[in-house]
Each structure stands twice: as C-alpha cells, then as structure tokens.
Amino acid sequence: MILTQILEPACVKVPLTGKDKESVIKELVDLLDADKLLTDKDEVLQAVMSREHTRSTGIGSGIAIPHGKCKGVKNLVMATGISRGGIDFQSIDSKPVYIVVLLVSPIDKTGPHIQALARISRLMLDENFRNNLQNSKSAEELYGLINEKESE
C-alpha cells in the first residue's frame, strides 16, 4: 500500500492549530470534510473519538495515529499534520505528539485499514524521516516528504 494513493494534498496541514487531542482530531476531520471525502462528518468524528477513548493512539516517538471505522466514509481516507508545540495524546511513552496521522475507513474494509496502519508504523520507524516530517515548513513540504519516502 502506498500512502499517497490515499492521502490527498488538501488533507495535510502544517502547522496544526489545535492544542489538545480532541481539537487536533477535529481539525483533521474538518480537512477530510472540506475535501468532500466524508459522507457524515459527525459520525466520523464520533468513531475516531470513541476509538481514542478506548485506548490512546499515541504510539510513542512523537507520533499518534487516531483512526476509526464507520459508515461516514465510502473509502479509506487519511489526513495528517504537524503540531509545533506538541500535544498530550496520553502516548505509551508519555511524551508529546508532533506528527498526527488520521485514518478512517468504512466498517466493511478492514484489510486496507490495517495495511495503512502497518505502512504508517513502518515508515515512522525511520528516525530521520520522522525528524524531517516534524520539521516540515509547509503542507506541501510534508506531502513531498511522504511521497519521496514512498518512492524509495
């Protein structure tokens, strides 16, 4: 799976303006909605927040991958952004999150959802890549870095 096949350039934001987990998730859901990728924005937000309340998606190393499955989307969608100040995501390493990647998929499309989560996790193992993402100056630069990494 290649992430740039799911991630639209319009769904990338640098910097994120939200200062907490809920506002950042809402900000990314709003990007997806503005790009007309959602059929029910409220259902998507509720699904992602419900998943987040079950267990934090802060996976450590400054990364969070909030995600959910619901009827509010027809296809797997993705949005991402960078927080300059860091966000308390109750991460497993108790450190702030700077890179947030949101994934939402239809209930009946489990395979692509899991593949995308795995791909994001694999890419984020590369510390230099994470640092480059975190230091992105613009949404265009962030998208370009992801695209470049996917082309390797």
C-alpha atoms as a PDB file:
ATOM      1  CA  MET A   1       0.000   0.000   0.000  1.00  0.00           C
ATOM      2  CA  ILE A   2       1.271   3.457  -0.950  1.00  0.00           C
ATOM      3  CA  LEU A   3       0.029   6.170   1.396  1.00  0.00           C
ATOM      4  CA  THR A   4      -0.001   8.904  -1.229  1.00  0.00           C
ATOM      5  CA  GLN A   5      -2.682   6.894  -3.037  1.00  0.00           C
ATOM      6  CA  ILE A   6      -4.938   7.624  -0.041  1.00  0.00           C
ATOM      7  CA  LEU A   7      -3.561  10.954   1.196  1.00  0.00           C
ATOM      8  CA  GLU A   8      -4.799  13.980  -0.736  1.00  0.00           C
ATOM      9  CA  PRO A   9      -2.518  17.074  -0.665  1.00  0.00           C
ATOM     10  CA  ALA A  10      -5.513  19.117   0.592  1.00  0.00           C
ATOM     11  CA  CYS A  11      -5.656  16.874   3.683  1.00  0.00           C
ATOM     12  CA  VAL A  12      -2.248  17.894   5.006  1.00  0.00           C
ATOM     13  CA  LYS A  13      -1.838  20.769   7.484  1.00  0.00           C
ATOM     14  CA  VAL A  14       1.339  22.376   8.768  1.00  0.00           C
ATOM     15  CA  PRO A  15       1.129  23.590  11.442  1.00  0.00           C
ATOM     16  CA  LEU A  16      -1.912  22.199  13.187  1.00  0.00           C
ATOM     17  CA  THR A  17      -3.579  24.874  15.313  1.00  0.00           C
ATOM     18  CA  GLY A  18      -5.231  22.596  17.884  1.00  0.00           C
ATOM     19  CA  LYS A  19      -3.635  22.439  21.308  1.00  0.00           C
ATOM     20  CA  ASP A  20      -5.176  19.191  22.549  1.00  0.00           C
ATOM     21  CA  LYS A  21      -6.029  15.744  21.256  1.00  0.00           C
ATOM     22  CA  GLU A  22      -9.712  16.404  20.565  1.00  0.00           C
ATOM     23  CA  SER A  23      -9.204  19.719  18.746  1.00  0.00           C
ATOM     24  CA  VAL A  24      -6.451  18.253  16.534  1.00  0.00           C
ATOM     25  CA  ILE A  25      -8.588  15.252  15.610  1.00  0.00           C
ATOM     26  CA  LYS A  26     -11.472  17.607  14.777  1.00  0.00           C
ATOM     27  CA  GLU A  27      -9.101  19.757  12.691  1.00  0.00           C
ATOM     28  CA  LEU A  28      -8.025  16.736  10.623  1.00  0.00           C
ATOM     29  CA  VAL A  29     -11.614  15.509  10.228  1.00  0.00           C
ATOM     30  CA  ASP A  30     -12.511  19.026   9.016  1.00  0.00           C
ATOM     31  CA  LEU A  31      -9.786  18.751   6.331  1.00  0.00           C
ATOM     32  CA  LEU A  32     -11.294  15.494   5.080  1.00  0.00           C
ATOM     33  CA  ASP A  33     -14.762  17.025   5.098  1.00  0.00           C
ATOM     34  CA  ALA A  34     -13.627  20.158   3.247  1.00  0.00           C
ATOM     35  CA  ASP A  35     -12.132  17.888   0.562  1.00  0.00           C
ATOM     36  CA  LYS A  36     -15.551  16.149   0.266  1.00  0.00           C
ATOM     37  CA  LEU A  37     -14.168  12.764   1.359  1.00  0.00           C
ATOM     38  CA  LEU A  38     -16.770  12.173   4.088  1.00  0.00           C
ATOM     39  CA  THR A  39     -20.443  11.315   3.853  1.00  0.00           C
ATOM     40  CA  ASP A  40     -21.100  12.065   7.548  1.00  0.00           C
ATOM     41  CA  LYS A  41     -18.557  14.252   9.358  1.00  0.00           C
ATOM     42  CA  ASP A  42     -20.198  13.851  12.780  1.00  0.00           C
ATOM     43  CA  GLU A  43     -20.206  10.061  12.509  1.00  0.00           C
ATOM     44  CA  VAL A  44     -16.521  10.076  11.529  1.00  0.00           C
ATOM     45  CA  LEU A  45     -15.571  12.337  14.435  1.00  0.00           C
ATOM     46  CA  GLN A  46     -17.579  10.190  16.830  1.00  0.00           C
ATOM     47  CA  ALA A  47     -15.990   6.950  15.566  1.00  0.00           C
ATOM     48  CA  VAL A  48     -12.443   8.303  15.904  1.00  0.00           C
ATOM     49  CA  MET A  49     -13.073   9.810  19.346  1.00  0.00           C
ATOM     50  CA  SER A  50     -14.757   6.621  20.532  1.00  0.00           C
ATOM     51  CA  ARG A  51     -11.696   4.618  19.462  1.00  0.00           C
ATOM     52  CA  GLU A  52      -9.434   7.173  21.152  1.00  0.00           C
ATOM     53  CA  HIS A  53     -11.345   6.865  24.438  1.00  0.00           C
ATOM     54  CA  THR A  54     -10.898   3.084  24.328  1.00  0.00           C
ATOM     55  CA  ARG A  55      -7.109   3.396  24.156  1.00  0.00           C
ATOM     56  CA  SER A  56      -4.825   6.214  23.100  1.00  0.00           C
ATOM     57  CA  THR A  57      -3.429   6.040  19.591  1.00  0.00           C
ATOM     58  CA  GLY A  58      -0.261   7.846  20.686  1.00  0.00           C
ATOM     59  CA  ILE A  59       2.247   5.165  19.672  1.00  0.00           C
ATOM     60  CA  GLY A  60       5.350   6.894  21.025  1.00  0.00           C
ATOM     61  CA  SER A  61       8.273   8.715  19.386  1.00  0.00           C
ATOM     62  CA  GLY A  62       6.086  11.815  18.915  1.00  0.00           C
ATOM     63  CA  ILE A  63       3.520  10.024  16.709  1.00  0.00           C
ATOM     64  CA  ALA A  64      -0.226   9.471  17.001  1.00  0.00           C
ATOM     65  CA  ILE A  65      -2.410   7.588  14.537  1.00  0.00           C
ATOM     66  CA  PRO A  66      -6.011   8.285  15.532  1.00  0.00           C
ATOM     67  CA  HIS A  67      -8.304   6.068  13.499  1.00  0.00           C
ATOM     68  CA  GLY A  68     -11.758   4.629  13.238  1.00  0.00           C
ATOM     69  CA  LYS A  69     -14.166   2.661  11.095  1.00  0.00           C
ATOM     70  CA  CYS A  70     -17.684   3.868  10.391  1.00  0.00           C
ATOM     71  CA  LYS A  71     -20.429   4.440   7.820  1.00  0.00           C
ATOM     72  CA  GLY A  72     -19.373   8.100   7.443  1.00  0.00           C
ATOM     73  CA  VAL A  73     -16.893   7.269   4.644  1.00  0.00           C
ATOM     74  CA  LYS A  74     -17.122   5.283   1.424  1.00  0.00           C
ATOM     75  CA  ASN A  75     -13.372   4.660   1.093  1.00  0.00           C
ATOM     76  CA  LEU A  76     -10.274   4.639   3.250  1.00  0.00           C
ATOM     77  CA  VAL A  77      -9.244   8.278   3.851  1.00  0.00           C
ATOM     78  CA  MET A  78      -6.267   9.895   5.510  1.00  0.00           C
ATOM     79  CA  ALA A  79      -5.262  13.321   6.841  1.00  0.00           C
ATOM     80  CA  THR A  80      -2.059  14.367   8.542  1.00  0.00           C
ATOM     81  CA  GLY A  81      -0.472  17.325  10.217  1.00  0.00           C
ATOM     82  CA  ILE A  82       2.339  18.584  12.387  1.00  0.00           C
ATOM     83  CA  SER A  83       1.974  20.199  15.800  1.00  0.00           C
ATOM     84  CA  ARG A  84       4.733  22.685  16.572  1.00  0.00           C
ATOM     85  CA  GLY A  85       4.236  22.688  20.339  1.00  0.00           C
ATOM     86  CA  GLY A  86       3.390  19.046  20.842  1.00  0.00           C
ATOM     87  CA  ILE A  87       0.117  17.590  22.096  1.00  0.00           C
ATOM     88  CA  ASP A  88      -0.627  15.422  25.106  1.00  0.00           C
ATOM     89  CA  PHE A  89      -2.058  12.269  23.494  1.00  0.00           C
ATOM     90  CA  GLN A  90      -1.533  10.043  26.554  1.00  0.00           C
ATOM     91  CA  SER A  91       1.077   8.262  24.430  1.00  0.00           C
ATOM     92  CA  ILE A  92       2.573   4.978  25.532  1.00  0.00           C
ATOM     93  CA  ASP A  93       5.904   6.749  26.160  1.00  0.00           C
ATOM     94  CA  SER A  94       4.169   9.697  27.943  1.00  0.00           C
ATOM     95  CA  LYS A  95       5.856  12.148  25.545  1.00  0.00           C
ATOM     96  CA  PRO A  96       4.121  14.839  23.454  1.00  0.00           C
ATOM     97  CA  VAL A  97       2.936  14.079  19.924  1.00  0.00           C
ATOM     98  CA  TYR A  98       4.099  16.188  16.975  1.00  0.00           C
ATOM     99  CA  ILE A  99       3.086  14.023  13.994  1.00  0.00           C
ATOM    100  CA  VAL A 100      -0.618  13.149  13.760  1.00  0.00           C
ATOM    101  CA  VAL A 101      -1.933  10.812  11.063  1.00  0.00           C
ATOM    102  CA  LEU A 102      -5.702  10.274  10.944  1.00  0.00           C
ATOM    103  CA  LEU A 103      -7.195   7.239   9.185  1.00  0.00           C
ATOM    104  CA  VAL A 104     -10.872   6.490   8.667  1.00  0.00           C
ATOM    105  CA  SER A 105     -12.336   3.596   6.739  1.00  0.00           C
ATOM    106  CA  PRO A 106     -15.702   2.000   6.067  1.00  0.00           C
ATOM    107  CA  ILE A 107     -16.720  -0.725   8.506  1.00  0.00           C
ATOM    108  CA  ASP A 108     -16.505  -3.434   5.840  1.00  0.00           C
ATOM    109  CA  LYS A 109     -12.973  -2.567   4.623  1.00  0.00           C
ATOM    110  CA  THR A 110     -10.786  -3.949   7.399  1.00  0.00           C
ATOM    111  CA  GLY A 111      -7.881  -5.139   5.200  1.00  0.00           C
ATOM    112  CA  PRO A 112      -6.892  -1.761   3.692  1.00  0.00           C
ATOM    113  CA  HIS A 113      -7.339  -0.097   7.099  1.00  0.00           C
ATOM    114  CA  ILE A 114      -4.897  -2.499   8.757  1.00  0.00           C
ATOM    115  CA  GLN A 115      -2.476  -2.272   5.804  1.00  0.00           C
ATOM    116  CA  ALA A 116      -2.432   1.537   6.056  1.00  0.00           C
ATOM    117  CA  LEU A 117      -1.845   1.441   9.826  1.00  0.00           C
ATOM    118  CA  ALA A 118       1.018  -1.018   9.302  1.00  0.00           C
ATOM    119  CA  ARG A 119       2.538   1.069   6.493  1.00  0.00           C
ATOM    120  CA  ILE A 120       2.445   4.264   8.575  1.00  0.00           C
ATOM    121  CA  SER A 121       4.022   2.434  11.509  1.00  0.00           C
ATOM    122  CA  ARG A 122       6.788   1.035   9.295  1.00  0.00           C
ATOM    123  CA  LEU A 123       7.605   4.416   7.765  1.00  0.00           C
ATOM    124  CA  MET A 124       7.717   6.042  11.191  1.00  0.00           C
ATOM    125  CA  LEU A 125      10.418   3.632  12.372  1.00  0.00           C
ATOM    126  CA  ASP A 126      12.872   5.765  10.373  1.00  0.00           C
ATOM    127  CA  GLU A 127      14.060   8.444  12.828  1.00  0.00           C
ATOM    128  CA  ASN A 128      15.452  10.726  10.095  1.00  0.00           C
ATOM    129  CA  PHE A 129      12.131  10.570   8.256  1.00  0.00           C
ATOM    130  CA  ARG A 130      10.229  11.423  11.465  1.00  0.00           C
ATOM    131  CA  ASN A 131      12.543  14.361  12.123  1.00  0.00           C
ATOM    132  CA  ASN A 132      12.132  15.640   8.564  1.00  0.00           C
ATOM    133  CA  LEU A 133       8.341  15.400   8.860  1.00  0.00           C
ATOM    134  CA  GLN A 134       8.334  17.170  12.201  1.00  0.00           C
ATOM    135  CA  ASN A 135      10.461  19.998  10.794  1.00  0.00           C
ATOM    136  CA  SER A 136       8.344  20.476   7.661  1.00  0.00           C
ATOM    137  CA  LYS A 137       7.765  24.154   6.956  1.00  0.00           C
ATOM    138  CA  SER A 138       4.583  23.655   4.919  1.00  0.00           C
ATOM    139  CA  ALA A 139       1.886  21.181   3.975  1.00  0.00           C
ATOM    140  CA  GLU A 140       3.456  20.913   0.518  1.00  0.00           C
ATOM    141  CA  GLU A 141       6.833  20.008   2.009  1.00  0.00           C
ATOM    142  CA  LEU A 142       5.251  17.398   4.312  1.00  0.00           C
ATOM    143  CA  TYR A 143       3.340  15.796   1.430  1.00  0.00           C
ATOM    144  CA  GLY A 144       6.503  15.843  -0.689  1.00  0.00           C
ATOM    145  CA  LEU A 145       8.498  14.059   2.033  1.00  0.00           C
ATOM    146  CA  ILE A 146       5.877  11.318   2.288  1.00  0.00           C
ATOM    147  CA  ASN A 147       5.750  10.983  -1.487  1.00  0.00           C
ATOM    148  CA  GLU A 148       9.547  10.817  -1.708  1.00  0.00           C
ATOM    149  CA  LYS A 149       9.750   8.168   1.045  1.00  0.00           C
ATOM    150  CA  GLU A 150       7.081   6.087  -0.706  1.00  0.00           C
ATOM    151  CA  SER A 151       9.111   6.215  -3.936  1.00  0.00           C
ATOM    152  CA  GLU A 152      12.232   4.705  -2.349  1.00  0.00           C
END
